[in-house]
Amino acid sequence: MNRPDEELYQHRIAELEAEIARLNAALDSVKADRKALRDQLYGPLHEDDLTTEDEMAEIMRDYVPGAGAKFFADLGLLPNKPA
């Protein structure tokens, strides 16, 4: 690979890494804002209320994709598809 291409790639990589860092900082800010709003609305979240890994594994083991849509369809709450 010739030198100018390598320098161009390194420059682009540096730009992308800076963009990733900026986006991660923005994401952290949004997460903090959402947590503050959630705590304001519902009160602080206690560790006992969080789902454990074992509980989440059990939930996902029993999860059936589309079950929610089938439930609403059985109730007649889904819009009809256009013909």
Protein backbone atom coordinates (compact mmCIF):
# COMPACT_ATOMS: atom_id res chain seq x y z
CA MET A 1 0.00 0.00 0.00
CA ASN A 2 1.44 3.36 -0.85
CA ARG A 3 2.11 6.04 1.75
CA PRO A 4 -0.56 8.66 0.87
CA ASP A 5 -3.34 6.08 1.08
CA GLU A 6 -2.11 4.88 4.47
CA GLU A 7 -2.01 8.44 5.82
CA LEU A 8 -5.48 9.09 4.43
CA TYR A 9 -6.81 5.96 6.13
CA GLN A 10 -5.17 6.87 9.45
CA HIS A 11 -6.66 10.36 9.24
CA ARG A 12 -10.12 8.94 8.52
CA ILE A 13 -9.78 6.46 11.40
CA ALA A 14 -8.87 9.31 13.75
CA GLU A 15 -11.92 11.30 12.55
CA LEU A 16 -14.21 8.33 13.11
CA GLU A 17 -12.78 7.63 16.57
CA ALA A 18 -13.37 11.28 17.52
CA GLU A 19 -16.95 11.02 16.23
CA ILE A 20 -17.49 7.84 18.27
CA ALA A 21 -16.19 9.58 21.39
CA ARG A 22 -18.51 12.54 20.77
CA LEU A 23 -21.51 10.26 20.22
CA ASN A 24 -20.70 8.23 23.35
CA ALA A 25 -20.54 11.44 25.39
CA ALA A 26 -23.92 12.53 23.96
CA LEU A 27 -25.37 9.09 24.73
CA ASP A 28 -24.12 9.24 28.32
CA SER A 29 -25.73 12.67 28.68
CA VAL A 30 -29.06 11.42 27.32
CA LYS A 31 -28.94 8.37 29.61
CA ALA A 32 -28.29 10.60 32.62
CA ASP A 33 -31.18 12.90 31.64
CA ARG A 34 -33.53 9.95 31.18
CA LYS A 35 -32.50 8.47 34.53
CA ALA A 36 -33.09 11.81 36.27
CA LEU A 37 -36.52 12.15 34.65
CA ARG A 38 -37.42 8.54 35.49
CA ASP A 39 -36.35 9.05 39.11
CA GLN A 40 -38.33 12.27 39.25
CA LEU A 41 -41.43 10.58 37.87
CA TYR A 42 -41.30 7.16 39.55
CA GLY A 43 -38.86 7.69 42.38
CA PRO A 44 -35.42 6.11 42.64
CA LEU A 45 -35.00 2.58 41.32
CA HIS A 46 -33.82 0.09 43.94
CA GLU A 47 -31.46 -2.78 43.16
CA ASP A 48 -34.09 -5.25 44.39
CA ASP A 49 -36.45 -4.11 41.61
CA LEU A 50 -33.99 -4.83 38.79
CA THR A 51 -34.31 -8.03 36.77
CA THR A 52 -31.48 -10.47 37.41
CA GLU A 53 -29.67 -12.36 34.66
CA ASP A 54 -31.41 -15.59 35.68
CA GLU A 55 -34.84 -13.93 35.60
CA MET A 56 -34.11 -12.43 32.17
CA ALA A 57 -32.95 -15.83 30.88
CA GLU A 58 -36.24 -17.35 32.08
CA ILE A 59 -38.25 -14.56 30.42
CA MET A 60 -36.41 -14.98 27.13
CA ARG A 61 -36.72 -18.78 27.25
CA ASP A 62 -40.52 -18.45 27.40
CA TYR A 63 -40.72 -15.52 24.95
CA VAL A 64 -42.64 -16.17 21.74
CA PRO A 65 -42.01 -13.58 18.99
CA GLY A 66 -45.26 -11.99 17.86
CA ALA A 67 -47.21 -13.16 20.91
CA GLY A 68 -48.22 -9.59 21.75
CA ALA A 69 -49.54 -8.98 18.24
CA LYS A 70 -51.47 -12.26 18.33
CA PHE A 71 -53.00 -11.26 21.67
CA PHE A 72 -54.22 -7.93 20.27
CA ALA A 73 -55.40 -9.61 17.06
CA ASP A 74 -57.46 -12.06 19.11
CA LEU A 75 -59.06 -9.10 20.84
CA GLY A 76 -59.74 -7.49 17.47
CA LEU A 77 -57.58 -4.48 18.28
CA LEU A 78 -55.23 -4.62 15.30
CA PRO A 79 -56.12 -2.60 12.21
CA ASN A 80 -57.17 -4.54 9.15
CA LYS A 81 -54.57 -4.87 6.40
CA PRO A 82 -55.42 -3.01 3.20
CA ALA A 83 -56.80 -5.31 0.50
